[in-house]
Amino acid sequence: MVTSEIATALPTLAVVLVMAIWGVGYASAQLRCTDAAREAARAAARGEDMATVIEIAQAVAPGHAEVDVRRENGMITIEVRATAAAPPPLGSFLEPTVRGRAVALEEWP
């Protein structure tokens, strides 16, 4: 009796475990995008050139991240986007995008 109950519950437990691990990876990618945007915005506010700002963002962000830099009215906005691949059964259907955004005031004239 107990063996059949365990055999029935084991696949469900495996799916829950895989999704929980993916959730942690998704949250980690989200935090890395936010950190990358913040670090890049601070560098841009200090007056670093745009190539350096983008390099900083890509160094902190997850792999294959896209970085957008906008300057308007003394404000610098950095947005970092990356794709967080889902586990294998859902990987081809579900590829959510994680984003991080930071705004900084230019510190130099």
PDB file of N, CA and C in Angstrom:
ATOM      1  N   MET A   1       0.799  -1.199   0.000  1.00  0.00           N
ATOM      2  CA  MET A   1       0.000   0.000   0.000  1.00  0.00           C
ATOM      3  C   MET A   1       0.845   1.269   0.000  1.00  0.00           C
ATOM      4  N   VAL A   2       1.785   1.352   0.931  1.00  0.00           N
ATOM      5  CA  VAL A   2       2.607   2.546   1.057  1.00  0.00           C
ATOM      6  C   VAL A   2       3.474   2.735  -0.180  1.00  0.00           C
ATOM      7  N   THR A   3       3.963   1.655  -0.761  1.00  0.00           N
ATOM      8  CA  THR A   3       4.811   1.732  -1.940  1.00  0.00           C
ATOM      9  C   THR A   3       4.065   2.360  -3.110  1.00  0.00           C
ATOM     10  N   SER A   4       2.813   1.998  -3.291  1.00  0.00           N
ATOM     11  CA  SER A   4       2.047   2.577  -4.403  1.00  0.00           C
ATOM     12  C   SER A   4       1.762   4.051  -4.168  1.00  0.00           C
ATOM     13  N   GLU A   5       1.566   4.446  -2.937  1.00  0.00           N
ATOM     14  CA  GLU A   5       1.337   5.859  -2.633  1.00  0.00           C
ATOM     15  C   GLU A   5       2.603   6.676  -2.885  1.00  0.00           C
ATOM     16  N   ILE A   6       3.735   6.124  -2.520  1.00  0.00           N
ATOM     17  CA  ILE A   6       5.003   6.805  -2.767  1.00  0.00           C
ATOM     18  C   ILE A   6       5.257   6.898  -4.270  1.00  0.00           C
ATOM     19  N   ALA A   7       4.982   5.837  -4.998  1.00  0.00           N
ATOM     20  CA  ALA A   7       5.183   5.841  -6.449  1.00  0.00           C
ATOM     21  C   ALA A   7       4.277   6.854  -7.132  1.00  0.00           C
ATOM     22  N   THR A   8       3.106   7.083  -6.572  1.00  0.00           N
ATOM     23  CA  THR A   8       2.190   8.069  -7.135  1.00  0.00           C
ATOM     24  C   THR A   8       2.651   9.489  -6.817  1.00  0.00           C
ATOM     25  N   ALA A   9       3.161   9.703  -5.631  1.00  0.00           N
ATOM     26  CA  ALA A   9       3.549  11.052  -5.206  1.00  0.00           C
ATOM     27  C   ALA A   9       4.925  11.464  -5.706  1.00  0.00           C
ATOM     28  N   LEU A  10       5.794  10.513  -6.029  1.00  0.00           N
ATOM     29  CA  LEU A  10       7.167  10.832  -6.408  1.00  0.00           C
ATOM     30  C   LEU A  10       7.279  11.721  -7.652  1.00  0.00           C
ATOM     31  N   PRO A  11       6.543  11.455  -8.741  1.00  0.00           N
ATOM     32  CA  PRO A  11       6.644  12.366  -9.895  1.00  0.00           C
ATOM     33  C   PRO A  11       6.194  13.794  -9.567  1.00  0.00           C
ATOM     34  N   THR A  12       5.154  13.908  -8.765  1.00  0.00           N
ATOM     35  CA  THR A  12       4.690  15.237  -8.374  1.00  0.00           C
ATOM     36  C   THR A  12       5.751  15.951  -7.546  1.00  0.00           C
ATOM     37  N   LEU A  13       6.363  15.240  -6.644  1.00  0.00           N
ATOM     38  CA  LEU A  13       7.430  15.810  -5.834  1.00  0.00           C
ATOM     39  C   LEU A  13       8.612  16.242  -6.699  1.00  0.00           C
ATOM     40  N   ALA A  14       8.938  15.453  -7.702  1.00  0.00           N
ATOM     41  CA  ALA A  14      10.041  15.803  -8.604  1.00  0.00           C
ATOM     42  C   ALA A  14       9.719  17.081  -9.374  1.00  0.00           C
ATOM     43  N   VAL A  15       8.491  17.218  -9.857  1.00  0.00           N
ATOM     44  CA  VAL A  15       8.096  18.422 -10.601  1.00  0.00           C
ATOM     45  C   VAL A  15       8.134  19.642  -9.679  1.00  0.00           C
ATOM     46  N   VAL A  16       7.644  19.503  -8.470  1.00  0.00           N
ATOM     47  CA  VAL A  16       7.663  20.612  -7.514  1.00  0.00           C
ATOM     48  C   VAL A  16       9.100  21.012  -7.195  1.00  0.00           C
ATOM     49  N   LEU A  17       9.974  20.049  -7.032  1.00  0.00           N
ATOM     50  CA  LEU A  17      11.377  20.333  -6.747  1.00  0.00           C
ATOM     51  C   LEU A  17      12.052  21.065  -7.906  1.00  0.00           C
ATOM     52  N   VAL A  18      11.820  20.612  -9.137  1.00  0.00           N
ATOM     53  CA  VAL A  18      12.408  21.264 -10.312  1.00  0.00           C
ATOM     54  C   VAL A  18      11.898  22.696 -10.433  1.00  0.00           C
ATOM     55  N   MET A  19      10.601  22.901 -10.230  1.00  0.00           N
ATOM     56  CA  MET A  19      10.043  24.252 -10.336  1.00  0.00           C
ATOM     57  C   MET A  19      10.564  25.154  -9.208  1.00  0.00           C
ATOM     58  N   ALA A  20      10.773  24.604  -8.021  1.00  0.00           N
ATOM     59  CA  ALA A  20      11.321  25.402  -6.921  1.00  0.00           C
ATOM     60  C   ALA A  20      12.758  25.827  -7.226  1.00  0.00           C
ATOM     61  N   ILE A  21      13.538  24.916  -7.761  1.00  0.00           N
ATOM     62  CA  ILE A  21      14.920  25.252  -8.126  1.00  0.00           C
ATOM     63  C   ILE A  21      14.929  26.300  -9.230  1.00  0.00           C
ATOM     64  N   TRP A  22      14.052  26.160 -10.209  1.00  0.00           N
ATOM     65  CA  TRP A  22      13.970  27.159 -11.273  1.00  0.00           C
ATOM     66  C   TRP A  22      13.521  28.509 -10.713  1.00  0.00           C
ATOM     67  N   GLY A  23      12.618  28.505  -9.752  1.00  0.00           N
ATOM     68  CA  GLY A  23      12.170  29.754  -9.129  1.00  0.00           C
ATOM     69  C   GLY A  23      13.314  30.490  -8.453  1.00  0.00           C
ATOM     70  N   VAL A  24      14.194  29.754  -7.808  1.00  0.00           N
ATOM     71  CA  VAL A  24      15.360  30.372  -7.180  1.00  0.00           C
ATOM     72  C   VAL A  24      16.281  30.955  -8.256  1.00  0.00           C
ATOM     73  N   GLY A  25      16.464  30.219  -9.352  1.00  0.00           N
ATOM     74  CA  GLY A  25      17.280  30.730 -10.457  1.00  0.00           C
ATOM     75  C   GLY A  25      16.673  31.967 -11.100  1.00  0.00           C
ATOM     76  N   TYR A  26      15.355  31.977 -11.231  1.00  0.00           N
ATOM     77  CA  TYR A  26      14.645  33.132 -11.793  1.00  0.00           C
ATOM     78  C   TYR A  26      14.831  34.353 -10.890  1.00  0.00           C
ATOM     79  N   ALA A  27      14.660  34.165  -9.591  1.00  0.00           N
ATOM     80  CA  ALA A  27      14.829  35.279  -8.652  1.00  0.00           C
ATOM     81  C   ALA A  27      16.273  35.784  -8.664  1.00  0.00           C
ATOM     82  N   SER A  28      17.218  34.870  -8.776  1.00  0.00           N
ATOM     83  CA  SER A  28      18.624  35.258  -8.839  1.00  0.00           C
ATOM     84  C   SER A  28      18.910  36.090 -10.088  1.00  0.00           C
ATOM     85  N   ALA A  29      18.358  35.678 -11.225  1.00  0.00           N
ATOM     86  CA  ALA A  29      18.548  36.440 -12.469  1.00  0.00           C
ATOM     87  C   ALA A  29      17.920  37.822 -12.361  1.00  0.00           C
ATOM     88  N   GLN A  30      16.761  37.906 -11.713  1.00  0.00           N
ATOM     89  CA  GLN A  30      16.100  39.199 -11.514  1.00  0.00           C
ATOM     90  C   GLN A  30      16.968  40.125 -10.666  1.00  0.00           C
ATOM     91  N   LEU A  31      17.512  39.597  -9.600  1.00  0.00           N
ATOM     92  CA  LEU A  31      18.378  40.408  -8.738  1.00  0.00           C
ATOM     93  C   LEU A  31      19.651  40.835  -9.457  1.00  0.00           C
ATOM     94  N   ARG A  32      20.217  39.952 -10.272  1.00  0.00           N
ATOM     95  CA  ARG A  32      21.428  40.312 -11.018  1.00  0.00           C
ATOM     96  C   ARG A  32      21.145  41.417 -12.026  1.00  0.00           C
ATOM     97  N   CYS A  33      19.972  41.382 -12.668  1.00  0.00           N
ATOM     98  CA  CYS A  33      19.611  42.454 -13.608  1.00  0.00           C
ATOM     99  C   CYS A  33      19.459  43.780 -12.869  1.00  0.00           C
ATOM    100  N   THR A  34      18.825  43.747 -11.712  1.00  0.00           N
ATOM    101  CA  THR A  34      18.660  44.970 -10.923  1.00  0.00           C
ATOM    102  C   THR A  34      20.006  45.501 -10.455  1.00  0.00           C
ATOM    103  N   ASP A  35      20.877  44.620  -9.984  1.00  0.00           N
ATOM    104  CA  ASP A  35      22.218  45.042  -9.557  1.00  0.00           C
ATOM    105  C   ASP A  35      23.022  45.609 -10.723  1.00  0.00           C
ATOM    106  N   ALA A  36      22.910  44.973 -11.893  1.00  0.00           N
ATOM    107  CA  ALA A  36      23.641  45.452 -13.068  1.00  0.00           C
ATOM    108  C   ALA A  36      23.176  46.844 -13.469  1.00  0.00           C
ATOM    109  N   ALA A  37      21.870  47.066 -13.445  1.00  0.00           N
ATOM    110  CA  ALA A  37      21.342  48.383 -13.794  1.00  0.00           C
ATOM    111  C   ALA A  37      21.807  49.434 -12.791  1.00  0.00           C
ATOM    112  N   ARG A  38      21.807  49.087 -11.518  1.00  0.00           N
ATOM    113  CA  ARG A  38      22.239  50.037 -10.483  1.00  0.00           C
ATOM    114  C   ARG A  38      23.711  50.397 -10.629  1.00  0.00           C
ATOM    115  N   GLU A  39      24.553  49.394 -10.818  1.00  0.00           N
ATOM    116  CA  GLU A  39      25.991  49.656 -10.960  1.00  0.00           C
ATOM    117  C   GLU A  39      26.283  50.479 -12.218  1.00  0.00           C
ATOM    118  N   ALA A  40      25.602  50.160 -13.304  1.00  0.00           N
ATOM    119  CA  ALA A  40      25.814  50.909 -14.548  1.00  0.00           C
ATOM    120  C   ALA A  40      25.320  52.346 -14.410  1.00  0.00           C
ATOM    121  N   ALA A  41      24.200  52.545 -13.728  1.00  0.00           N
ATOM    122  CA  ALA A  41      23.683  53.901 -13.532  1.00  0.00           C
ATOM    123  C   ALA A  41      24.646  54.730 -12.675  1.00  0.00           C
ATOM    124  N   ARG A  42      25.228  54.120 -11.667  1.00  0.00           N
ATOM    125  CA  ARG A  42      26.199  54.841 -10.839  1.00  0.00           C
ATOM    126  C   ARG A  42      27.431  55.216 -11.655  1.00  0.00           C
ATOM    127  N   ALA A  43      27.893  54.295 -12.500  1.00  0.00           N
ATOM    128  CA  ALA A  43      29.064  54.589 -13.337  1.00  0.00           C
ATOM    129  C   ALA A  43      28.747  55.705 -14.336  1.00  0.00           C
ATOM    130  N   ALA A  44      27.564  55.663 -14.926  1.00  0.00           N
ATOM    131  CA  ALA A  44      27.180  56.700 -15.889  1.00  0.00           C
ATOM    132  C   ALA A  44      27.035  58.054 -15.195  1.00  0.00           C
ATOM    133  N   ALA A  45      26.512  58.046 -13.983  1.00  0.00           N
ATOM    134  CA  ALA A  45      26.359  59.302 -13.245  1.00  0.00           C
ATOM    135  C   ALA A  45      27.708  59.918 -12.907  1.00  0.00           C
ATOM    136  N   ARG A  46      28.730  59.079 -12.695  1.00  0.00           N
ATOM    137  CA  ARG A  46      30.082  59.583 -12.408  1.00  0.00           C
ATOM    138  C   ARG A  46      30.752  60.149 -13.649  1.00  0.00           C
ATOM    139  N   GLY A  47      30.193  59.874 -14.829  1.00  0.00           N
ATOM    140  CA  GLY A  47      30.766  60.417 -16.050  1.00  0.00           C
ATOM    141  C   GLY A  47      31.549  59.429 -16.885  1.00  0.00           C
ATOM    142  N   GLU A  48      31.418  58.141 -16.586  1.00  0.00           N
ATOM    143  CA  GLU A  48      32.095  57.133 -17.406  1.00  0.00           C
ATOM    144  C   GLU A  48      31.513  57.154 -18.826  1.00  0.00           C
ATOM    145  N   ASP A  49      32.337  56.762 -19.810  1.00  0.00           N
ATOM    146  CA  ASP A  49      31.828  56.726 -21.185  1.00  0.00           C
ATOM    147  C   ASP A  49      30.864  55.535 -21.328  1.00  0.00           C
ATOM    148  N   MET A  50      30.012  55.607 -22.341  1.00  0.00           N
ATOM    149  CA  MET A  50      28.936  54.631 -22.502  1.00  0.00           C
ATOM    150  C   MET A  50      29.443  53.210 -22.732  1.00  0.00           C
ATOM    151  N   ALA A  51      30.567  53.053 -23.385  1.00  0.00           N
ATOM    152  CA  ALA A  51      31.118  51.707 -23.589  1.00  0.00           C
ATOM    153  C   ALA A  51      31.469  51.066 -22.250  1.00  0.00           C
ATOM    154  N   THR A  52      32.041  51.847 -21.353  1.00  0.00           N
ATOM    155  CA  THR A  52      32.387  51.340 -20.023  1.00  0.00           C
ATOM    156  C   THR A  52      31.131  51.033 -19.215  1.00  0.00           C
ATOM    157  N   VAL A  53      30.134  51.884 -19.328  1.00  0.00           N
ATOM    158  CA  VAL A  53      28.867  51.669 -18.616  1.00  0.00           C
ATOM    159  C   VAL A  53      28.230  50.354 -19.057  1.00  0.00           C
ATOM    160  N   ILE A  54      28.200  50.117 -20.348  1.00  0.00           N
ATOM    161  CA  ILE A  54      27.607  48.879 -20.866  1.00  0.00           C
ATOM    162  C   ILE A  54      28.435  47.671 -20.451  1.00  0.00           C
ATOM    163  N   GLU A  55      29.752  47.795 -20.457  1.00  0.00           N
ATOM    164  CA  GLU A  55      30.618  46.693 -20.007  1.00  0.00           C
ATOM    165  C   GLU A  55      30.354  46.348 -18.546  1.00  0.00           C
ATOM    166  N   ILE A  56      30.190  47.363 -17.712  1.00  0.00           N
ATOM    167  CA  ILE A  56      29.908  47.132 -16.299  1.00  0.00           C
ATOM    168  C   ILE A  56      28.586  46.396 -16.142  1.00  0.00           C
ATOM    169  N   ALA A  57      27.571  46.851 -16.866  1.00  0.00           N
ATOM    170  CA  ALA A  57      26.260  46.199 -16.771  1.00  0.00           C
ATOM    171  C   ALA A  57      26.323  44.751 -17.230  1.00  0.00           C
ATOM    172  N   GLN A  58      27.020  44.491 -18.321  1.00  0.00           N
ATOM    173  CA  GLN A  58      27.095  43.129 -18.839  1.00  0.00           C
ATOM    174  C   GLN A  58      27.946  42.227 -17.953  1.00  0.00           C
ATOM    175  N   ALA A  59      28.900  42.802 -17.241  1.00  0.00           N
ATOM    176  CA  ALA A  59      29.717  41.999 -16.336  1.00  0.00           C
ATOM    177  C   ALA A  59      28.904  41.514 -15.133  1.00  0.00           C
ATOM    178  N   VAL A  60      27.974  42.325 -14.664  1.00  0.00           N
ATOM    179  CA  VAL A  60      27.177  41.971 -13.494  1.00  0.00           C
ATOM    180  C   VAL A  60      25.926  41.181 -13.874  1.00  0.00           C
ATOM    181  N   ALA A  61      25.362  41.461 -15.037  1.00  0.00           N
ATOM    182  CA  ALA A  61      24.093  40.849 -15.457  1.00  0.00           C
ATOM    183  C   ALA A  61      24.276  39.377 -15.833  1.00  0.00           C
ATOM    184  N   PRO A  62      23.160  38.641 -15.899  1.00  0.00           N
ATOM    185  CA  PRO A  62      23.236  37.264 -16.393  1.00  0.00           C
ATOM    186  C   PRO A  62      23.711  37.250 -17.850  1.00  0.00           C
ATOM    187  N   GLY A  63      24.157  36.105 -18.326  1.00  0.00           N
ATOM    188  CA  GLY A  63      24.652  36.000 -19.696  1.00  0.00           C
ATOM    189  C   GLY A  63      23.633  36.408 -20.741  1.00  0.00           C
ATOM    190  N   HIS A  64      24.096  36.970 -21.820  1.00  0.00           N
ATOM    191  CA  HIS A  64      23.275  37.395 -22.960  1.00  0.00           C
ATOM    192  C   HIS A  64      22.249  38.463 -22.576  1.00  0.00           C
ATOM    193  N   ALA A  65      22.588  39.320 -21.647  1.00  0.00           N
ATOM    194  CA  ALA A  65      21.683  40.394 -21.242  1.00  0.00           C
ATOM    195  C   ALA A  65      21.773  41.554 -22.224  1.00  0.00           C
ATOM    196  N   GLU A  66      20.665  42.252 -22.384  1.00  0.00           N
ATOM    197  CA  GLU A  66      20.616  43.457 -23.216  1.00  0.00           C
ATOM    198  C   GLU A  66      20.601  44.668 -22.297  1.00  0.00           C
ATOM    199  N   VAL A  67      21.353  45.686 -22.666  1.00  0.00           N
ATOM    200  CA  VAL A  67      21.470  46.886 -21.839  1.00  0.00           C
ATOM    201  C   VAL A  67      21.021  48.087 -22.666  1.00  0.00           C
ATOM    202  N   ASP A  68      20.084  48.859 -22.130  1.00  0.00           N
ATOM    203  CA  ASP A  68      19.629  50.102 -22.760  1.00  0.00           C
ATOM    204  C   ASP A  68      20.014  51.271 -21.863  1.00  0.00           C
ATOM    205  N   VAL A  69      20.608  52.300 -22.473  1.00  0.00           N
ATOM    206  CA  VAL A  69      21.024  53.496 -21.741  1.00  0.00           C
ATOM    207  C   VAL A  69      20.310  54.688 -22.368  1.00  0.00           C
ATOM    208  N   ARG A  70      19.649  55.482 -21.507  1.00  0.00           N
ATOM    209  CA  ARG A  70      18.978  56.701 -21.977  1.00  0.00           C
ATOM    210  C   ARG A  70      19.391  57.870 -21.097  1.00  0.00           C
ATOM    211  N   ARG A  71      19.641  59.002 -21.750  1.00  0.00           N
ATOM    212  CA  ARG A  71      19.962  60.248 -21.040  1.00  0.00           C
ATOM    213  C   ARG A  71      18.911  61.282 -21.393  1.00  0.00           C
ATOM    214  N   GLU A  72      18.260  61.824 -20.371  1.00  0.00           N
ATOM    215  CA  GLU A  72      17.256  62.866 -20.593  1.00  0.00           C
ATOM    216  C   GLU A  72      17.276  63.839 -19.413  1.00  0.00           C
ATOM    217  N   ASN A  73      17.445  65.096 -19.704  1.00  0.00           N
ATOM    218  CA  ASN A  73      17.350  66.158 -18.704  1.00  0.00           C
ATOM    219  C   ASN A  73      18.211  65.911 -17.467  1.00  0.00           C
ATOM    220  N   GLY A  74      19.431  65.478 -17.670  1.00  0.00           N
ATOM    221  CA  GLY A  74      20.335  65.249 -16.552  1.00  0.00           C
ATOM    222  C   GLY A  74      20.096  63.958 -15.800  1.00  0.00           C
ATOM    223  N   MET A  75      19.169  63.139 -16.269  1.00  0.00           N
ATOM    224  CA  MET A  75      18.885  61.849 -15.644  1.00  0.00           C
ATOM    225  C   MET A  75      19.365  60.732 -16.569  1.00  0.00           C
ATOM    226  N   ILE A  76      19.932  59.708 -15.978  1.00  0.00           N
ATOM    227  CA  ILE A  76      20.401  58.557 -16.738  1.00  0.00           C
ATOM    228  C   ILE A  76      19.550  57.358 -16.328  1.00  0.00           C
ATOM    229  N   THR A  77      18.969  56.691 -17.315  1.00  0.00           N
ATOM    230  CA  THR A  77      18.150  55.506 -17.052  1.00  0.00           C
ATOM    231  C   THR A  77      18.818  54.314 -17.708  1.00  0.00           C
ATOM    232  N   ILE A  78      19.041  53.284 -16.923  1.00  0.00           N
ATOM    233  CA  ILE A  78      19.641  52.048 -17.417  1.00  0.00           C
ATOM    234  C   ILE A  78      18.607  50.937 -17.239  1.00  0.00           C
ATOM    235  N   GLU A  79      18.371  50.179 -18.292  1.00  0.00           N
ATOM    236  CA  GLU A  79      17.494  49.019 -18.199  1.00  0.00           C
ATOM    237  C   GLU A  79      18.258  47.800 -18.705  1.00  0.00           C
ATOM    238  N   VAL A  80      18.226  46.748 -17.917  1.00  0.00           N
ATOM    239  CA  VAL A  80      18.912  45.500 -18.250  1.00  0.00           C
ATOM    240  C   VAL A  80      17.855  44.413 -18.366  1.00  0.00           C
ATOM    241  N   ARG A  81      17.880  43.683 -19.490  1.00  0.00           N
ATOM    242  CA  ARG A  81      16.923  42.595 -19.722  1.00  0.00           C
ATOM    243  C   ARG A  81      17.677  41.319 -20.047  1.00  0.00           C
ATOM    244  N   ALA A  82      17.165  40.210 -19.537  1.00  0.00           N
ATOM    245  CA  ALA A  82      17.745  38.899 -19.835  1.00  0.00           C
ATOM    246  C   ALA A  82      16.621  37.869 -19.836  1.00  0.00           C
ATOM    247  N   THR A  83      16.877  36.752 -20.482  1.00  0.00           N
ATOM    248  CA  THR A  83      15.900  35.670 -20.528  1.00  0.00           C
ATOM    249  C   THR A  83      16.265  34.617 -19.498  1.00  0.00           C
ATOM    250  N   ALA A  84      15.282  34.215 -18.713  1.00  0.00           N
ATOM    251  CA  ALA A  84      15.482  33.157 -17.717  1.00  0.00           C
ATOM    252  C   ALA A  84      14.849  31.885 -18.278  1.00  0.00           C
ATOM    253  N   ALA A  85      15.670  30.989 -18.774  1.00  0.00           N
ATOM    254  CA  ALA A  85      15.159  29.763 -19.400  1.00  0.00           C
ATOM    255  C   ALA A  85      14.470  28.887 -18.362  1.00  0.00           C
ATOM    256  N   ALA A  86      13.353  28.321 -18.757  1.00  0.00           N
ATOM    257  CA  ALA A  86      12.592  27.427 -17.885  1.00  0.00           C
ATOM    258  C   ALA A  86      13.194  26.025 -17.926  1.00  0.00           C
ATOM    259  N   PRO A  87      12.810  25.154 -16.995  1.00  0.00           N
ATOM    260  CA  PRO A  87      13.307  23.781 -17.008  1.00  0.00           C
ATOM    261  C   PRO A  87      12.927  23.056 -18.291  1.00  0.00           C
ATOM    262  N   PRO A  88      13.615  21.973 -18.625  1.00  0.00           N
ATOM    263  CA  PRO A  88      13.449  21.287 -19.904  1.00  0.00           C
ATOM    264  C   PRO A  88      12.020  21.016 -20.398  1.00  0.00           C
ATOM    265  N   PRO A  89      11.097  20.549 -19.607  1.00  0.00           N
ATOM    266  CA  PRO A  89       9.783  20.311 -20.210  1.00  0.00           C
ATOM    267  C   PRO A  89       9.106  21.589 -20.689  1.00  0.00           C
ATOM    268  N   LEU A  90       9.385  22.702 -20.018  1.00  0.00           N
ATOM    269  CA  LEU A  90       8.751  23.973 -20.366  1.00  0.00           C
ATOM    270  C   LEU A  90       9.674  24.911 -21.125  1.00  0.00           C
ATOM    271  N   GLY A  91      10.935  24.554 -21.249  1.00  0.00           N
ATOM    272  CA  GLY A  91      11.937  25.451 -21.822  1.00  0.00           C
ATOM    273  C   GLY A  91      11.610  25.980 -23.195  1.00  0.00           C
ATOM    274  N   SER A  92      10.985  25.171 -24.045  1.00  0.00           N
ATOM    275  CA  SER A  92      10.678  25.637 -25.393  1.00  0.00           C
ATOM    276  C   SER A  92       9.436  26.524 -25.422  1.00  0.00           C
ATOM    277  N   PHE A  93       8.600  26.440 -24.405  1.00  0.00           N
ATOM    278  CA  PHE A  93       7.366  27.229 -24.377  1.00  0.00           C
ATOM    279  C   PHE A  93       7.488  28.489 -23.533  1.00  0.00           C
ATOM    280  N   LEU A  94       8.227  28.383 -22.463  1.00  0.00           N
ATOM    281  CA  LEU A  94       8.256  29.441 -21.463  1.00  0.00           C
ATOM    282  C   LEU A  94       9.667  30.001 -21.324  1.00  0.00           C
ATOM    283  N   GLU A  95       9.859  31.221 -21.754  1.00  0.00           N
ATOM    284  CA  GLU A  95      11.133  31.918 -21.574  1.00  0.00           C
ATOM    285  C   GLU A  95      10.845  33.330 -21.072  1.00  0.00           C
ATOM    286  N   PRO A  96      10.564  33.465 -19.782  1.00  0.00           N
ATOM    287  CA  PRO A  96      10.239  34.795 -19.262  1.00  0.00           C
ATOM    288  C   PRO A  96      11.453  35.716 -19.267  1.00  0.00           C
ATOM    289  N   THR A  97      11.184  36.979 -19.402  1.00  0.00           N
ATOM    290  CA  THR A  97      12.234  37.992 -19.395  1.00  0.00           C
ATOM    291  C   THR A  97      12.291  38.640 -18.023  1.00  0.00           C
ATOM    292  N   VAL A  98      13.480  38.707 -17.473  1.00  0.00           N
ATOM    293  CA  VAL A  98      13.685  39.419 -16.212  1.00  0.00           C
ATOM    294  C   VAL A  98      14.272  40.786 -16.552  1.00  0.00           C
ATOM    295  N   ARG A  99      13.915  41.775 -15.757  1.00  0.00           N
ATOM    296  CA  ARG A  99      14.339  43.150 -16.026  1.00  0.00           C
ATOM    297  C   ARG A  99      14.826  43.814 -14.753  1.00  0.00           C
ATOM    298  N   GLY A 100      15.752  44.704 -14.952  1.00  0.00           N
ATOM    299  CA  GLY A 100      16.202  45.559 -13.867  1.00  0.00           C
ATOM    300  C   GLY A 100      16.325  46.969 -14.415  1.00  0.00           C
ATOM    301  N   ARG A 101      15.944  47.954 -13.619  1.00  0.00           N
ATOM    302  CA  ARG A 101      15.961  49.338 -14.089  1.00  0.00           C
ATOM    303  C   ARG A 101      16.478  50.223 -12.966  1.00  0.00           C
ATOM    304  N   ALA A 102      17.320  51.177 -13.325  1.00  0.00           N
ATOM    305  CA  ALA A 102      17.847  52.127 -12.350  1.00  0.00           C
ATOM    306  C   ALA A 102      17.937  53.506 -12.991  1.00  0.00           C
ATOM    307  N   VAL A 103      17.702  54.516 -12.183  1.00  0.00           N
ATOM    308  CA  VAL A 103      17.776  55.903 -12.643  1.00  0.00           C
ATOM    309  C   VAL A 103      18.734  56.636 -11.714  1.00  0.00           C
ATOM    310  N   ALA A 104      19.606  57.435 -12.308  1.00  0.00           N
ATOM    311  CA  ALA A 104      20.567  58.218 -11.506  1.00  0.00           C
ATOM    312  C   ALA A 104      20.639  59.637 -12.060  1.00  0.00           C
ATOM    313  N   LEU A 105      20.937  60.548 -11.193  1.00  0.00           N
ATOM    314  CA  LEU A 105      21.145  61.941 -11.560  1.00  0.00           C
ATOM    315  C   LEU A 105      22.611  62.130 -11.912  1.00  0.00           C
ATOM    316  N   GLU A 106      22.894  62.784 -13.045  1.00  0.00           N
ATOM    317  CA  GLU A 106      24.277  63.017 -13.431  1.00  0.00           C
ATOM    318  C   GLU A 106      24.956  63.887 -12.387  1.00  0.00           C
ATOM    319  N   GLU A 107      26.135  63.473 -11.972  1.00  0.00           N
ATOM    320  CA  GLU A 107      26.861  64.190 -10.924  1.00  0.00           C
ATOM    321  C   GLU A 107      27.834  65.222 -11.473  1.00  0.00           C
ATOM    322  N   TRP A 108      28.074  65.212 -12.739  1.00  0.00           N
ATOM    323  CA  TRP A 108      29.031  66.151 -13.323  1.00  0.00           C
ATOM    324  C   TRP A 108      28.311  67.057 -14.297  1.00  0.00           C
ATOM    325  N   PRO A 109      28.819  68.267 -14.485  1.00  0.00           N
ATOM    326  CA  PRO A 109      28.122  69.232 -15.371  1.00  0.00           C
ATOM    327  C   PRO A 109      28.237  68.901 -16.833  1.00  0.00           C
TER     328      PRO A 109
END
